[in-house]
């Protein structure tokens, strides 16, 4: 059998220095300010990169510069490589 993924809107943000300078979206900012955040975000002005970590159900995963940070439908966070994200998702209207 073949299946098609249900079209469920998600929150996502690409971890680039340019996006960081514009300001973090609410779903990232709120998580970082929570009592036990599942994310860390580190912006390096010298290299103009953004990195960090994300606590997922599989354990702590590194966030690389340029990847997307996704908030899933159950409030979980996980990083996704830019290429995979762009093949799998399109912007909602």
Foldseek 3Di string as FASTA:
>chain_A
DDDDDDPDDWDKDWFFLVSVVVPDDPLQVVLVPDPDHQKDWDADPVVRFIKIWGQAPVGIDIGGGGWMWIQDPVRGIDTGRNVVPVVPDDDDD
